[in-house]
Amino acid sequence: MAIQFCLHGSARNVREAVDRAKRAEAVGFEAIFFADSHMNNVDPYQAMAMCALNTKKIRFGTAVTNMVYRDPTITANSFATLNEISNGRAIVGLGTGDGPVYSLGRTATKLVEFEKGLRVIRDLLHDRGVEVPKTRERASGGRVTLKAGKRAVPIYISAEGPKMLRVAGRVCDGVILGTGFDLDVMEWAQARIAEGAKETGREIAAIDVMPAGMICVDDDGALARQRVRSRMANRAHHNFRFTMETVPEGELAGVRKFMDGFDISKPIEERVDPNLVTDYLLQRFTIAGTPEECAARVKQLEAAGVRRILLTPPNTNYDAIMEAWGRRVIPLLS
């Protein structure tokens, strides 16, 4: 199967979400993942339901929702319902909690609780049910199952650090790999996923690894790379909060200087001086350039066994870059 492309983005209103999903489907994207940032964007579940009613093939997921605001049983029911509405096109996308959590003074879910929650969602969406403890309100305890919606639904988690990657190997169907597009780093990440898979007797081949990063397409390749520098900085900063063990020794000084200069309190495209974004960071976390340059990068990933990638165009010209990728890059890969 040819490599598939998924979009990541947010929507400020439902019409924007629906229009974007329809256009993405028309130009060849497999899926669109919506941010779950409830103070900044429309509710993704309602938006995805509307998108499903107005499209035929494109799949829908969250990148990512969390357990801080949504109990695992609620998330399972929401995705089973979306899977029914979309006739099997739903994808669960989860993380421990980042911007939407920290911005309201909350704390991300601890990894041990996150893994427990993942198992609840997985078991409910695969009709195995979950055990309810005996309490004063439910003296009998016992096992309960999800009785609504369409099942099963694949579960992906956003992962960068070694501990989260091992969780993915133990529990999940796929990984949204926030470490970027560097092939050496991907090999490192797959080894960590394999360690987790081995613990539960799973095969890593059954776990989809979906690298994620920023894109920008322009006939002027240098201009495309310049335009994406500020936006990709947030992705890189998020990654290196978890681990720097994937950074080559010769790049460590530049990455540390970048991290020291990053100000998370500022608007997303103003958090760091673009001059602190090194060429290494640009290459690792973006696919940017002419259509031909972008296609060449994708072919490298495909040759390494990647089956799908998650792409985030810059907010300032999101739809134009989405269209350019679909109409000018994808045809070069067929």
Protein backbone atom coordinates (compact mmCIF):
# COMPACT_ATOMS: atom_id res chain seq x y z
CA MET A 1 0.00 0.00 0.00
CA ALA A 2 1.30 3.47 -0.90
CA ILE A 3 2.18 5.77 1.98
CA GLN A 4 -0.84 7.61 3.39
CA PHE A 5 -1.06 11.22 4.55
CA CYS A 6 -3.00 12.52 7.54
CA LEU A 7 -3.61 16.12 8.54
CA HIS A 8 -3.38 17.66 11.98
CA GLY A 9 -5.00 20.96 12.82
CA SER A 10 -7.60 22.85 14.77
CA ALA A 11 -10.86 24.57 13.91
CA ARG A 12 -12.40 27.74 15.35
CA ASN A 13 -15.84 26.93 13.93
CA VAL A 14 -17.65 23.87 12.62
CA ARG A 15 -17.98 25.20 9.07
CA GLU A 16 -14.20 25.54 8.85
CA ALA A 17 -13.78 21.96 10.07
CA VAL A 18 -16.28 20.55 7.58
CA ASP A 19 -14.93 22.53 4.63
CA ARG A 20 -11.38 21.46 5.47
CA ALA A 21 -12.34 17.80 5.78
CA LYS A 22 -14.12 17.87 2.42
CA ARG A 23 -11.16 19.54 0.69
CA ALA A 24 -8.66 17.20 2.35
CA GLU A 25 -10.63 14.19 1.15
CA ALA A 26 -10.79 15.62 -2.38
CA VAL A 27 -7.00 16.04 -2.67
CA GLY A 28 -6.08 12.62 -1.30
CA PHE A 29 -5.60 12.77 2.48
CA GLU A 30 -6.47 9.60 4.38
CA ALA A 31 -7.42 11.20 7.70
CA ILE A 32 -7.72 14.45 9.60
CA PHE A 33 -6.91 14.75 13.30
CA PHE A 34 -8.39 17.63 15.31
CA ALA A 35 -6.84 19.22 18.37
CA ASP A 36 -8.82 18.93 21.61
CA SER A 37 -8.13 22.37 23.06
CA HIS A 38 -11.48 23.34 24.48
CA MET A 39 -10.72 26.99 25.26
CA ASN A 40 -9.43 27.71 21.76
CA ASN A 41 -11.24 25.43 19.30
CA VAL A 42 -14.65 23.91 18.72
CA ASP A 43 -15.38 20.61 20.43
CA PRO A 44 -13.67 18.01 18.21
CA TYR A 45 -16.25 15.29 18.74
CA GLN A 46 -19.12 17.41 17.50
CA ALA A 47 -16.99 18.77 14.66
CA MET A 48 -15.88 15.28 13.60
CA ALA A 49 -19.48 14.06 13.62
CA MET A 50 -20.46 16.89 11.27
CA CYS A 51 -17.42 16.15 9.08
CA ALA A 52 -18.40 12.48 8.91
CA LEU A 53 -21.88 13.36 7.67
CA ASN A 54 -20.40 15.49 4.89
CA THR A 55 -17.65 13.12 3.63
CA LYS A 56 -17.37 9.55 2.39
CA LYS A 57 -13.85 8.18 2.89
CA ILE A 58 -11.66 10.38 5.08
CA ARG A 59 -11.06 9.16 8.63
CA PHE A 60 -11.24 11.24 11.82
CA GLY A 61 -9.29 11.36 15.06
CA THR A 62 -8.09 13.59 17.88
CA ALA A 63 -4.48 14.71 18.16
CA VAL A 64 -4.85 14.61 20.95
CA THR A 65 -7.50 14.34 23.62
CA ASN A 66 -6.64 13.66 27.27
CA MET A 67 -7.89 12.02 30.45
CA VAL A 68 -7.64 15.13 32.62
CA TYR A 69 -10.94 16.47 31.32
CA ARG A 70 -12.43 13.28 29.86
CA ASP A 71 -12.86 10.05 31.82
CA PRO A 72 -11.71 6.99 29.83
CA THR A 73 -15.25 5.56 29.80
CA ILE A 74 -16.56 8.83 28.31
CA THR A 75 -13.83 8.79 25.67
CA ALA A 76 -14.65 5.19 24.74
CA ASN A 77 -18.33 5.98 24.34
CA SER A 78 -17.62 9.16 22.34
CA PHE A 79 -15.43 7.32 19.85
CA ALA A 80 -17.79 4.37 19.55
CA THR A 81 -20.54 6.88 18.74
CA LEU A 82 -18.35 8.70 16.21
CA ASN A 83 -17.42 5.34 14.70
CA GLU A 84 -21.12 4.60 14.18
CA ILE A 85 -21.79 8.04 12.64
CA SER A 86 -18.79 7.72 10.32
CA ASN A 87 -19.35 4.03 9.51
CA GLY A 88 -16.03 2.89 10.92
CA ARG A 89 -13.79 5.89 10.22
CA ALA A 90 -12.91 6.93 13.80
CA ILE A 91 -9.43 6.86 15.37
CA VAL A 92 -8.73 7.49 19.07
CA GLY A 93 -5.80 9.88 19.60
CA LEU A 94 -4.66 10.40 23.21
CA GLY A 95 -1.96 12.10 25.25
CA THR A 96 -1.28 12.67 28.94
CA GLY A 97 -2.12 16.39 28.60
CA ASP A 98 -0.18 19.41 27.42
CA GLY A 99 -1.22 22.94 26.44
CA PRO A 100 -4.99 22.66 27.13
CA VAL A 101 -4.18 21.15 30.53
CA TYR A 102 -1.36 23.46 31.62
CA SER A 103 -3.14 26.61 30.42
CA LEU A 104 -5.86 26.11 33.06
CA GLY A 105 -3.44 25.22 35.83
CA ARG A 106 -4.11 21.48 35.72
CA THR A 107 -1.56 18.64 35.82
CA ALA A 108 -0.97 16.02 33.14
CA THR A 109 -2.08 12.46 33.87
CA LYS A 110 0.62 10.35 35.53
CA LEU A 111 1.93 7.68 33.23
CA VAL A 112 0.78 4.75 35.37
CA GLU A 113 -2.78 6.15 35.47
CA PHE A 114 -2.63 6.95 31.78
CA GLU A 115 -1.81 3.35 30.92
CA LYS A 116 -4.65 2.12 33.13
CA GLY A 117 -7.02 4.48 31.33
CA LEU A 118 -5.79 3.26 27.95
CA ARG A 119 -6.57 -0.30 28.94
CA VAL A 120 -10.09 0.74 29.96
CA ILE A 121 -10.68 2.42 26.60
CA ARG A 122 -9.19 -0.52 24.71
CA ASP A 123 -11.23 -3.13 26.57
CA LEU A 124 -14.47 -1.18 26.17
CA LEU A 125 -13.88 -0.63 22.45
CA HIS A 126 -13.11 -4.32 21.93
CA ASP A 127 -16.15 -5.58 23.89
CA ARG A 128 -14.11 -7.12 26.70
CA GLY A 129 -15.66 -4.85 29.29
CA VAL A 130 -14.09 -3.50 32.47
CA GLU A 131 -14.24 -4.61 36.07
CA VAL A 132 -16.11 -2.31 38.45
CA PRO A 133 -14.97 -2.53 42.10
CA LYS A 134 -17.40 -3.16 44.90
CA THR A 135 -18.49 0.07 46.56
CA ARG A 136 -21.28 1.21 48.86
CA GLU A 137 -23.17 2.39 45.77
CA ARG A 138 -22.47 -0.83 43.80
CA ALA A 139 -22.21 -3.65 46.28
CA SER A 140 -21.97 -6.37 43.67
CA GLY A 141 -19.12 -4.91 41.64
CA GLY A 142 -18.73 -6.92 38.45
CA ARG A 143 -17.92 -6.39 34.77
CA VAL A 144 -19.61 -3.79 32.59
CA THR A 145 -19.54 -3.44 28.83
CA LEU A 146 -20.15 -0.64 26.36
CA LYS A 147 -23.62 -1.06 24.93
CA ALA A 148 -23.72 1.71 22.31
CA GLY A 149 -21.91 2.75 19.15
CA LYS A 150 -19.79 0.83 16.63
CA ARG A 151 -16.68 -1.06 17.72
CA ALA A 152 -13.71 -1.67 17.50
CA VAL A 153 -11.81 1.64 17.15
CA PRO A 154 -8.00 1.86 16.80
CA ILE A 155 -6.15 3.65 19.61
CA TYR A 156 -3.10 5.85 18.97
CA ILE A 157 -1.11 7.79 21.55
CA SER A 158 1.22 10.73 21.10
CA ALA A 159 4.65 9.64 22.28
CA GLU A 160 8.21 11.03 22.34
CA GLY A 161 9.96 9.74 25.44
CA PRO A 162 11.06 6.12 26.04
CA LYS A 163 8.53 5.38 28.79
CA MET A 164 5.55 6.53 26.70
CA LEU A 165 6.83 4.63 23.67
CA ARG A 166 6.94 1.44 25.75
CA VAL A 167 3.34 2.07 26.85
CA ALA A 168 2.37 2.26 23.18
CA GLY A 169 4.06 -1.07 22.59
CA ARG A 170 2.16 -2.69 25.45
CA VAL A 171 -1.32 -1.30 24.78
CA CYS A 172 -1.90 0.64 21.57
CA ASP A 173 -2.65 0.10 17.90
CA GLY A 174 -0.50 3.02 16.82
CA VAL A 175 1.85 5.82 17.80
CA ILE A 176 1.75 9.48 16.80
CA LEU A 177 5.51 9.85 16.82
CA GLY A 178 6.35 13.39 17.89
CA THR A 179 10.08 12.82 17.49
CA GLY A 180 9.91 13.95 13.87
CA PHE A 181 11.11 12.51 10.57
CA ASP A 182 14.76 11.64 11.32
CA LEU A 183 15.33 7.99 10.34
CA ASP A 184 17.86 7.30 13.11
CA VAL A 185 15.46 8.66 15.72
CA MET A 186 12.65 6.58 14.25
CA GLU A 187 14.80 3.47 14.63
CA TRP A 188 15.45 4.41 18.28
CA ALA A 189 11.71 4.94 18.87
CA GLN A 190 10.75 1.65 17.24
CA ALA A 191 13.20 -0.15 19.53
CA ARG A 192 11.48 1.33 22.58
CA ILE A 193 8.05 0.38 21.19
CA ALA A 194 9.33 -3.14 20.57
CA GLU A 195 10.50 -3.37 24.20
CA GLY A 196 6.97 -2.59 25.38
CA ALA A 197 5.41 -4.96 22.87
CA LYS A 198 7.65 -7.80 24.02
CA GLU A 199 6.46 -7.35 27.62
CA THR A 200 2.92 -8.28 26.59
CA GLY A 201 3.72 -10.76 23.84
CA ARG A 202 2.78 -8.46 20.98
CA GLU A 203 4.45 -8.10 17.60
CA ILE A 204 5.74 -4.62 16.71
CA ALA A 205 4.56 -5.16 13.15
CA ALA A 206 1.00 -4.84 14.48
CA ILE A 207 1.69 -1.33 15.82
CA ASP A 208 1.47 1.52 13.31
CA VAL A 209 4.20 4.13 13.77
CA MET A 210 3.06 7.47 12.35
CA PRO A 211 5.79 10.16 12.40
CA ALA A 212 4.45 13.69 12.82
CA GLY A 213 5.76 17.12 11.95
CA MET A 214 5.28 20.38 10.12
CA ILE A 215 5.09 20.89 6.35
CA CYS A 216 5.43 23.80 3.96
CA VAL A 217 5.42 23.66 0.15
CA ASP A 218 6.54 26.46 -2.20
CA ASP A 219 8.25 26.76 -5.55
CA ASP A 220 10.95 28.60 -3.61
CA GLY A 221 12.27 25.87 -1.33
CA ALA A 222 14.31 28.23 0.85
CA LEU A 223 11.24 30.40 1.43
CA ALA A 224 9.20 27.33 2.45
CA ARG A 225 11.82 26.36 5.03
CA GLN A 226 11.98 29.91 6.39
CA ARG A 227 8.20 30.09 6.77
CA VAL A 228 7.99 26.91 8.80
CA ARG A 229 10.77 27.74 11.30
CA SER A 230 8.69 29.60 13.88
CA ARG A 231 5.74 27.21 13.81
CA MET A 232 7.79 24.04 14.19
CA ALA A 233 9.59 25.39 17.25
CA ASN A 234 6.73 24.41 19.55
CA ARG A 235 6.86 20.81 18.31
CA ALA A 236 10.60 20.58 18.92
CA HIS A 237 10.36 22.14 22.37
CA HIS A 238 7.63 19.69 23.37
CA ASN A 239 9.78 16.76 22.26
CA PHE A 240 12.94 17.76 24.10
CA ARG A 241 11.12 18.26 27.38
CA PHE A 242 10.92 14.45 27.48
CA THR A 243 14.37 13.41 26.34
CA MET A 244 17.50 14.65 24.60
CA GLU A 245 19.05 11.22 24.22
CA THR A 246 18.12 11.24 20.52
CA VAL A 247 20.15 14.40 19.75
CA PRO A 248 23.57 13.80 18.10
CA GLU A 249 26.44 15.06 20.25
CA GLY A 250 27.40 17.71 17.71
CA GLU A 251 23.89 19.19 17.80
CA LEU A 252 23.40 19.29 21.58
CA ALA A 253 24.72 22.82 22.10
CA GLY A 254 22.40 24.26 19.48
CA VAL A 255 19.38 22.38 20.84
CA ARG A 256 20.10 23.51 24.41
CA LYS A 257 20.41 27.12 23.27
CA PHE A 258 17.08 26.75 21.48
CA MET A 259 15.43 25.31 24.60
CA ASP A 260 16.83 28.07 26.82
CA GLY A 261 15.48 30.73 24.46
CA PHE A 262 11.98 29.26 24.24
CA ASP A 263 9.16 31.15 26.04
CA ILE A 264 6.02 29.01 26.31
CA SER A 265 3.98 31.97 27.64
CA LYS A 266 4.03 33.72 24.25
CA PRO A 267 1.74 33.06 21.23
CA ILE A 268 2.66 29.81 19.47
CA GLU A 269 4.56 31.39 16.55
CA GLU A 270 6.42 33.91 18.74
CA ARG A 271 7.88 31.62 21.37
CA VAL A 272 11.43 31.59 20.09
CA ASP A 273 13.73 33.61 17.87
CA PRO A 274 13.64 31.80 14.48
CA ASN A 275 17.42 32.18 14.32
CA LEU A 276 17.65 29.72 17.23
CA VAL A 277 15.98 27.04 15.12
CA THR A 278 19.00 25.17 13.80
CA ASP A 279 19.15 23.38 10.46
CA TYR A 280 19.16 20.11 12.39
CA LEU A 281 15.85 20.97 14.06
CA LEU A 282 14.37 22.12 10.77
CA GLN A 283 15.35 18.90 9.01
CA ARG A 284 14.18 16.68 11.84
CA PHE A 285 10.76 18.18 12.53
CA THR A 286 9.66 19.43 9.11
CA ILE A 287 9.24 18.45 5.50
CA ALA A 288 9.59 21.77 3.72
CA GLY A 289 10.68 22.85 0.27
CA THR A 290 9.62 22.52 -3.34
CA PRO A 291 7.12 19.79 -4.26
CA GLU A 292 10.01 17.73 -5.59
CA GLU A 293 12.06 18.17 -2.40
CA CYS A 294 9.09 17.21 -0.24
CA ALA A 295 8.38 14.13 -2.35
CA ALA A 296 12.01 13.05 -2.03
CA ARG A 297 11.80 13.21 1.79
CA VAL A 298 8.59 11.18 1.74
CA LYS A 299 10.19 8.51 -0.45
CA GLN A 300 12.95 8.12 2.14
CA LEU A 301 10.36 7.51 4.85
CA GLU A 302 8.43 5.10 2.67
CA ALA A 303 11.61 3.14 1.91
CA ALA A 304 12.16 2.84 5.68
CA GLY A 305 8.75 1.17 6.07
CA VAL A 306 6.61 4.14 7.15
CA ARG A 307 2.98 3.58 6.16
CA ARG A 308 1.48 6.97 7.08
CA ILE A 309 2.61 10.37 8.32
CA LEU A 310 0.80 13.13 10.21
CA LEU A 311 1.32 16.60 8.72
CA THR A 312 0.68 20.04 10.21
CA PRO A 313 0.66 23.02 7.82
CA PRO A 314 1.41 26.47 9.30
CA ASN A 315 -1.69 28.21 10.68
CA THR A 316 -1.07 31.36 8.62
CA ASN A 317 -1.65 29.57 5.29
CA TYR A 318 -2.97 26.18 6.38
CA ASP A 319 -5.45 25.55 3.58
CA ALA A 320 -3.12 26.70 0.81
CA ILE A 321 -0.35 24.37 2.01
CA MET A 322 -2.82 21.50 2.43
CA GLU A 323 -3.98 21.98 -1.16
CA ALA A 324 -0.39 22.28 -2.44
CA TRP A 325 0.58 19.03 -0.74
CA GLY A 326 -2.44 17.21 -2.13
CA ARG A 327 -2.24 18.56 -5.67
CA ARG A 328 1.52 18.93 -6.14
CA VAL A 329 3.29 16.47 -3.81
CA ILE A 330 1.04 13.41 -3.66
CA PRO A 331 0.94 13.03 -7.50
CA LEU A 332 4.76 12.81 -7.51
CA LEU A 333 4.57 9.70 -5.33
CA SER A 334 2.18 7.61 -7.40
